[in-house]
Amino acid sequence: MLELTSLKELLADPKQIVITTHHKPDGDAIGSSLGLYNCLIQKGHHVKVVSPTDYPVFLQWLPNNPEVIIYTEKPEESAKYVAEADLIFCLDFNSLARINGLGQHVQESKGKKVLIDHHLEPEDFDDYRYWSINACATAQLVYEFIVNVLEEPQTINKDVATCLYTGIMTDSGSFRFPTTTPRVHHIIADLIERGAENAKIHQLVYDNFSENRLRFLGFCLLRKLEVFTEYNTALITVSRDELHKFNISTGDTEGLVNYALTINGIRLAALIIERADQVKLSLRSTGDFPANEICKKYFNGGGHRNAAGGQSTESLQETIQRFKQILPEYKSLLIQ
């Protein structure tokens, strides 16, 4: 692993830079990427943001969003930028598998890879690493990177502040998760002072959904929610036909699993969704219950202790059954 001081020296002159993040980017992923983009272009760097896949409409208002290139829509152009890059910033993911087909291009590129992330156990594909599992969001680390490594706090203008605020807000559950430390609030205060409009950002992200999405939410809570009181666990399941029935778009299932966790006494909430090629699982937990352990051990995934995800190549019903069969193994932790 190379020293970050040499990275600062590399960035002293304009470079060809690619910024990428995990597939189906959330607010932290795209907020971190565009935040860093808006910082680096001020220093004369030639920067491209390449996302492996598309992302929700409620994030597409972010400053310079039109500059983002979607790999699945422009694979050849994306691969060209990655191949020609001097530096590739890898934000909010710890494995090249998380960027799908783009991962091979990143691996083969001669450009130096810079990992900025807060997930557990990053793979060894990077040359530079700015990483901490204690950060509430990768956007927090991007802020610290700009201030402490690049020593360029003056580049945090309104556009950068808006993007980083969005990333921190969304990944911290609107500042309610345990990783929201006093330091995070100090950073948020600084971002607001630099132009981030907190009320407006919250409205654009959380109060910007379609009628279909709201009706879908009601359907899921009324018809698709199961509660297992003996395990302090709640489960929501959604079939592919149900997604089609409500014309669900990218991002419309975002946050759905959190509703199950709001039930009094629930320690583990699960959302299992049947997609076109596989079944997706999202877990949320409270306290010290290891949601990431379940995803890693049984569902080819991982994540944070209280927020994790995985997938299954089994049918929807088989995946649901497997999840239910796992619960007795964790009963002692769930009923604490």
Protein backbone atom coordinates (compact mmCIF):
# COMPACT_ATOMS: atom_id res chain seq x y z
CA MET A 1 0.00 0.00 0.00
CA LEU A 2 1.36 3.41 -0.99
CA GLU A 3 1.54 6.42 1.32
CA LEU A 4 -1.23 8.99 0.97
CA THR A 5 1.37 11.77 0.92
CA SER A 6 2.52 10.53 -2.48
CA LEU A 7 -1.10 10.64 -3.68
CA LYS A 8 -1.28 14.30 -2.74
CA GLU A 9 1.89 14.88 -4.76
CA LEU A 10 0.38 13.04 -7.74
CA LEU A 11 -2.65 15.30 -7.60
CA ALA A 12 -0.53 18.45 -7.64
CA ASP A 13 -0.73 18.43 -11.45
CA PRO A 14 -3.80 17.77 -13.65
CA LYS A 15 -4.53 14.07 -14.11
CA GLN A 16 -6.95 11.86 -16.02
CA ILE A 17 -9.24 10.59 -13.25
CA VAL A 18 -12.16 8.17 -13.08
CA ILE A 19 -14.44 7.98 -10.06
CA THR A 20 -16.62 4.90 -9.69
CA THR A 21 -18.88 3.39 -7.06
CA HIS A 22 -20.98 0.28 -6.43
CA HIS A 23 -23.82 -0.89 -8.65
CA LYS A 24 -27.29 0.54 -7.95
CA PRO A 25 -25.73 3.53 -6.18
CA ASP A 26 -27.47 4.92 -3.11
CA GLY A 27 -27.22 8.43 -1.72
CA ASP A 28 -23.82 7.87 -0.16
CA ALA A 29 -22.36 6.29 -3.29
CA ILE A 30 -23.47 8.94 -5.76
CA GLY A 31 -23.13 11.79 -3.24
CA SER A 32 -19.53 10.81 -2.49
CA SER A 33 -18.72 10.42 -6.18
CA LEU A 34 -20.14 13.76 -7.27
CA GLY A 35 -18.75 15.46 -4.17
CA LEU A 36 -15.24 14.34 -5.04
CA TYR A 37 -15.85 15.16 -8.73
CA ASN A 38 -16.89 18.71 -7.91
CA CYS A 39 -13.76 19.09 -5.78
CA LEU A 40 -11.24 17.71 -8.29
CA ILE A 41 -12.46 19.66 -11.33
CA GLN A 42 -11.65 22.87 -9.45
CA LYS A 43 -7.98 21.83 -9.48
CA GLY A 44 -7.88 21.33 -13.25
CA HIS A 45 -8.17 17.55 -13.29
CA HIS A 46 -10.01 15.79 -16.13
CA VAL A 47 -12.59 13.74 -14.25
CA LYS A 48 -15.19 11.19 -15.31
CA VAL A 49 -17.73 9.61 -12.96
CA VAL A 50 -18.67 6.12 -14.14
CA SER A 51 -21.51 4.30 -12.40
CA PRO A 52 -21.90 0.56 -13.06
CA THR A 53 -25.70 0.95 -13.29
CA ASP A 54 -28.40 3.58 -13.10
CA TYR A 55 -29.69 5.02 -9.83
CA PRO A 56 -32.89 6.55 -8.43
CA VAL A 57 -34.50 9.68 -9.84
CA PHE A 58 -34.51 11.23 -6.37
CA LEU A 59 -30.70 11.47 -6.57
CA GLN A 60 -30.47 12.83 -10.10
CA TRP A 61 -30.81 16.48 -9.04
CA LEU A 62 -27.33 16.52 -7.46
CA PRO A 63 -24.85 19.08 -8.85
CA ASN A 64 -23.23 17.88 -12.11
CA ASN A 65 -25.37 14.73 -12.19
CA PRO A 66 -25.53 14.95 -16.04
CA GLU A 67 -21.78 14.26 -16.10
CA VAL A 68 -22.25 10.72 -14.75
CA ILE A 69 -21.70 7.98 -17.34
CA ILE A 70 -23.70 4.77 -16.88
CA TYR A 71 -21.56 1.75 -17.74
CA THR A 72 -24.50 -0.43 -18.80
CA GLU A 73 -25.59 2.27 -21.25
CA LYS A 74 -22.12 3.19 -22.58
CA PRO A 75 -19.80 0.23 -21.90
CA GLU A 76 -17.18 1.02 -24.57
CA GLU A 77 -16.89 4.68 -23.61
CA SER A 78 -16.70 3.77 -19.93
CA ALA A 79 -14.00 1.15 -20.56
CA LYS A 80 -11.98 3.67 -22.57
CA TYR A 81 -11.97 6.22 -19.74
CA VAL A 82 -10.97 3.57 -17.21
CA ALA A 83 -8.14 2.28 -19.42
CA GLU A 84 -6.75 5.79 -19.94
CA ALA A 85 -7.04 6.92 -16.31
CA ASP A 86 -4.02 7.90 -14.25
CA LEU A 87 -6.07 7.47 -11.08
CA ILE A 88 -9.26 5.53 -10.35
CA PHE A 89 -11.13 6.47 -7.18
CA CYS A 90 -13.19 3.53 -5.87
CA LEU A 91 -15.83 4.89 -3.52
CA ASP A 92 -18.18 3.09 -1.13
CA PHE A 93 -17.33 -0.51 -2.06
CA ASN A 94 -14.79 -3.03 -0.84
CA SER A 95 -14.74 -5.56 -3.69
CA LEU A 96 -14.52 -5.27 -7.47
CA ALA A 97 -17.45 -7.68 -7.66
CA ARG A 98 -19.58 -4.78 -6.39
CA ILE A 99 -19.11 -2.90 -9.67
CA ASN A 100 -20.16 -5.83 -11.88
CA GLY A 101 -18.60 -5.94 -15.37
CA LEU A 102 -16.81 -2.66 -14.78
CA GLY A 103 -14.62 -4.44 -12.24
CA GLN A 104 -12.54 -6.25 -14.85
CA HIS A 105 -11.74 -2.97 -16.62
CA VAL A 106 -10.72 -1.37 -13.33
CA GLN A 107 -8.54 -4.34 -12.45
CA GLU A 108 -6.80 -4.31 -15.84
CA SER A 109 -6.24 -0.55 -15.93
CA LYS A 110 -2.71 0.67 -15.25
CA GLY A 111 -4.13 3.62 -13.34
CA LYS A 112 -3.50 3.74 -9.61
CA LYS A 113 -6.55 2.71 -7.58
CA VAL A 114 -7.64 4.79 -4.60
CA LEU A 115 -10.11 3.18 -2.19
CA ILE A 116 -12.25 5.44 0.01
CA ASP A 117 -14.72 3.30 1.93
CA HIS A 118 -16.24 2.35 5.29
CA HIS A 119 -17.18 -1.31 4.70
CA LEU A 120 -15.58 -4.28 6.44
CA GLU A 121 -12.73 -6.35 4.99
CA PRO A 122 -11.78 -4.56 1.75
CA GLU A 123 -10.16 -6.73 -0.89
CA ASP A 124 -6.57 -6.06 -1.85
CA PHE A 125 -7.06 -4.38 -5.25
CA ASP A 126 -6.13 -0.80 -4.34
CA ASP A 127 -2.85 1.12 -4.32
CA TYR A 128 -3.98 3.83 -1.90
CA ARG A 129 -6.49 3.39 0.90
CA TYR A 130 -8.48 5.87 2.99
CA TRP A 131 -10.70 3.55 4.98
CA SER A 132 -12.49 3.37 8.32
CA ILE A 133 -15.38 1.21 9.48
CA ASN A 134 -16.10 3.84 12.13
CA ALA A 135 -17.23 6.41 9.56
CA CYS A 136 -21.00 6.77 9.22
CA ALA A 137 -20.69 7.19 5.45
CA THR A 138 -18.13 7.21 2.68
CA ALA A 139 -19.13 10.85 2.18
CA GLN A 140 -17.72 11.56 5.64
CA LEU A 141 -14.42 10.02 4.55
CA VAL A 142 -14.42 12.04 1.31
CA TYR A 143 -14.80 15.18 3.41
CA GLU A 144 -11.91 14.10 5.65
CA PHE A 145 -9.86 13.17 2.58
CA ILE A 146 -10.32 16.62 1.05
CA VAL A 147 -9.54 18.41 4.32
CA ASN A 148 -6.81 16.23 5.82
CA VAL A 149 -5.09 14.49 2.89
CA LEU A 150 -5.46 16.94 0.03
CA GLU A 151 -5.47 19.88 2.47
CA GLU A 152 -7.88 21.68 0.14
CA PRO A 153 -10.84 22.66 2.38
CA GLN A 154 -11.43 25.73 0.22
CA THR A 155 -12.63 23.45 -2.59
CA ILE A 156 -15.67 22.46 -0.51
CA ASN A 157 -18.02 24.89 -2.21
CA LYS A 158 -21.82 24.70 -2.27
CA ASP A 159 -21.85 21.90 -4.87
CA VAL A 160 -19.39 19.73 -2.94
CA ALA A 161 -21.17 20.45 0.35
CA THR A 162 -24.55 19.54 -1.13
CA CYS A 163 -23.30 16.19 -2.43
CA LEU A 164 -21.47 15.23 0.77
CA TYR A 165 -24.38 16.29 2.97
CA THR A 166 -26.66 14.06 0.90
CA GLY A 167 -24.29 11.11 1.30
CA ILE A 168 -23.96 11.49 5.06
CA MET A 169 -27.67 12.13 5.58
CA THR A 170 -28.79 9.05 3.68
CA ASP A 171 -26.23 6.59 5.06
CA SER A 172 -26.68 7.73 8.66
CA GLY A 173 -30.46 7.31 8.53
CA SER A 174 -30.88 11.08 8.74
CA PHE A 175 -28.28 11.22 11.53
CA ARG A 176 -29.93 8.66 13.82
CA PHE A 177 -27.62 5.64 13.54
CA PRO A 178 -25.00 4.96 16.25
CA THR A 179 -22.12 5.96 13.95
CA THR A 180 -23.44 9.55 13.96
CA THR A 181 -20.78 10.89 16.32
CA PRO A 182 -20.15 14.47 17.49
CA ARG A 183 -17.55 14.67 14.71
CA VAL A 184 -20.24 13.91 12.13
CA HIS A 185 -22.39 16.75 13.44
CA HIS A 186 -19.39 19.10 13.25
CA ILE A 187 -18.88 18.09 9.62
CA ILE A 188 -22.58 18.58 8.86
CA ALA A 189 -22.46 22.05 10.44
CA ASP A 190 -19.48 22.93 8.26
CA LEU A 191 -21.24 21.66 5.13
CA ILE A 192 -24.29 23.80 5.93
CA GLU A 193 -22.05 26.81 6.47
CA ARG A 194 -20.51 26.12 3.06
CA GLY A 195 -23.89 26.17 1.33
CA ALA A 196 -25.66 22.84 1.80
CA GLU A 197 -29.38 23.57 2.20
CA ASN A 198 -30.37 20.90 4.69
CA ALA A 199 -34.17 21.27 4.50
CA LYS A 200 -34.15 21.40 0.70
CA ILE A 201 -31.87 18.36 0.41
CA HIS A 202 -34.10 16.33 2.73
CA GLN A 203 -37.17 17.29 0.71
CA LEU A 204 -35.57 16.38 -2.63
CA VAL A 205 -34.44 12.98 -1.37
CA TYR A 206 -37.29 11.86 0.89
CA ASP A 207 -40.37 13.77 -0.29
CA ASN A 208 -39.99 13.19 -3.99
CA PHE A 209 -41.66 9.85 -4.70
CA SER A 210 -44.37 8.82 -7.14
CA GLU A 211 -47.96 7.91 -6.28
CA ASN A 212 -47.19 4.34 -7.37
CA ARG A 213 -44.38 4.14 -4.88
CA LEU A 214 -46.63 5.21 -2.00
CA ARG A 215 -49.34 2.72 -2.97
CA PHE A 216 -46.67 0.01 -3.26
CA LEU A 217 -45.47 0.85 0.25
CA GLY A 218 -48.99 0.53 1.63
CA PHE A 219 -49.47 -2.80 -0.14
CA CYS A 220 -46.22 -4.19 1.27
CA LEU A 221 -47.01 -3.15 4.84
CA LEU A 222 -50.60 -4.42 4.70
CA ARG A 223 -50.20 -7.63 2.70
CA LYS A 224 -46.53 -8.67 2.64
CA LEU A 225 -45.30 -8.08 6.20
CA GLU A 226 -44.73 -11.05 8.51
CA VAL A 227 -43.74 -10.70 12.15
CA PHE A 228 -42.05 -13.51 14.08
CA THR A 229 -42.45 -12.37 17.68
CA GLU A 230 -40.54 -15.37 19.04
CA TYR A 231 -37.47 -14.10 17.18
CA ASN A 232 -38.13 -10.33 17.36
CA THR A 233 -37.92 -10.39 13.57
CA ALA A 234 -40.02 -8.87 10.79
CA LEU A 235 -39.96 -9.85 7.12
CA ILE A 236 -41.29 -8.19 3.96
CA THR A 237 -41.29 -10.18 0.70
CA VAL A 238 -41.95 -8.90 -2.81
CA SER A 239 -42.33 -10.91 -6.02
CA ARG A 240 -41.33 -9.79 -9.49
CA ASP A 241 -45.00 -9.71 -10.52
CA GLU A 242 -45.76 -7.34 -7.64
CA LEU A 243 -42.95 -5.02 -8.74
CA HIS A 244 -44.46 -4.95 -12.23
CA LYS A 245 -47.99 -4.45 -10.91
CA PHE A 246 -46.99 -1.18 -9.24
CA ASN A 247 -44.58 -0.17 -12.04
CA ILE A 248 -41.72 0.05 -9.57
CA SER A 249 -38.65 1.96 -10.77
CA THR A 250 -35.03 1.97 -9.61
CA GLY A 251 -34.93 3.22 -6.04
CA ASP A 252 -38.62 2.73 -5.23
CA THR A 253 -37.80 -0.08 -2.77
CA GLU A 254 -35.16 2.08 -1.06
CA GLY A 255 -35.83 2.27 2.67
CA LEU A 256 -38.68 -0.25 2.62
CA VAL A 257 -36.89 -2.62 4.99
CA ASN A 258 -36.56 0.16 7.57
CA TYR A 259 -40.33 0.26 8.11
CA ALA A 260 -40.24 -3.27 9.47
CA LEU A 261 -37.56 -2.21 11.95
CA THR A 262 -39.82 0.51 13.42
CA ILE A 263 -42.07 -2.09 15.07
CA ASN A 264 -41.59 -2.04 18.83
CA GLY A 265 -39.33 -4.87 19.97
CA ILE A 266 -38.07 -5.85 16.51
CA ARG A 267 -34.32 -6.45 16.42
CA LEU A 268 -33.98 -7.79 12.87
CA ALA A 269 -35.83 -6.68 9.74
CA ALA A 270 -35.54 -8.36 6.36
CA LEU A 271 -36.65 -7.46 2.85
CA ILE A 272 -36.54 -10.20 0.21
CA ILE A 273 -37.24 -9.13 -3.38
CA GLU A 274 -37.42 -11.27 -6.50
CA ARG A 275 -35.49 -9.58 -9.31
CA ALA A 276 -35.06 -10.60 -12.94
CA ASP A 277 -31.96 -12.76 -12.47
CA GLN A 278 -31.76 -13.38 -8.73
CA VAL A 279 -33.38 -12.78 -5.36
CA LYS A 280 -32.10 -9.83 -3.32
CA LEU A 281 -32.01 -9.69 0.46
CA SER A 282 -31.64 -6.58 2.65
CA LEU A 283 -31.22 -6.80 6.41
CA ARG A 284 -31.38 -4.12 9.11
CA SER A 285 -30.80 -4.70 12.80
CA THR A 286 -30.55 -2.87 16.09
CA GLY A 287 -27.89 -2.96 18.78
CA ASP A 288 -25.11 -5.48 18.31
CA PHE A 289 -27.03 -8.02 16.23
CA PRO A 290 -24.75 -9.00 13.28
CA ALA A 291 -26.90 -8.63 10.17
CA ASN A 292 -23.75 -8.75 8.06
CA GLU A 293 -22.86 -12.19 9.44
CA ILE A 294 -26.11 -13.67 8.13
CA CYS A 295 -25.60 -12.10 4.70
CA LYS A 296 -22.01 -13.26 4.46
CA LYS A 297 -22.62 -16.78 5.75
CA TYR A 298 -25.85 -17.61 3.92
CA PHE A 299 -26.52 -15.11 1.13
CA ASN A 300 -23.21 -14.34 -0.64
CA GLY A 301 -23.16 -10.81 0.70
CA GLY A 302 -22.02 -8.65 3.57
CA GLY A 303 -22.06 -5.07 4.75
CA HIS A 304 -22.24 -3.38 8.12
CA ARG A 305 -23.32 -4.89 11.43
CA ASN A 306 -26.70 -3.13 11.34
CA ALA A 307 -27.18 -2.81 7.57
CA ALA A 308 -26.26 -5.58 5.15
CA GLY A 309 -27.32 -7.20 1.92
CA GLY A 310 -27.03 -10.39 -0.07
CA GLN A 311 -28.45 -12.38 -2.94
CA SER A 312 -29.63 -15.87 -3.82
CA THR A 313 -29.93 -17.86 -7.03
CA GLU A 314 -32.71 -19.95 -5.48
CA SER A 315 -36.37 -19.16 -6.09
CA LEU A 316 -38.15 -16.51 -4.05
CA GLN A 317 -39.96 -19.10 -1.96
CA GLU A 318 -36.79 -21.13 -1.39
CA THR A 319 -34.94 -18.00 -0.28
CA ILE A 320 -37.75 -17.04 2.09
CA GLN A 321 -37.75 -20.53 3.56
CA ARG A 322 -33.99 -20.51 4.01
CA PHE A 323 -34.15 -17.19 5.85
CA LYS A 324 -36.83 -18.51 8.19
CA GLN A 325 -34.80 -21.66 8.87
CA ILE A 326 -31.82 -19.53 9.91
CA LEU A 327 -33.67 -17.65 12.65
CA PRO A 328 -33.49 -20.37 15.36
CA GLU A 329 -29.69 -20.29 15.08
CA TYR A 330 -29.71 -16.64 16.17
CA LYS A 331 -32.56 -16.80 18.69
CA SER A 332 -30.37 -16.16 21.73
CA LEU A 333 -29.09 -12.93 20.18
CA LEU A 334 -32.48 -11.85 18.89
CA ILE A 335 -34.33 -12.14 22.21
CA GLN A 336 -31.73 -10.34 24.33
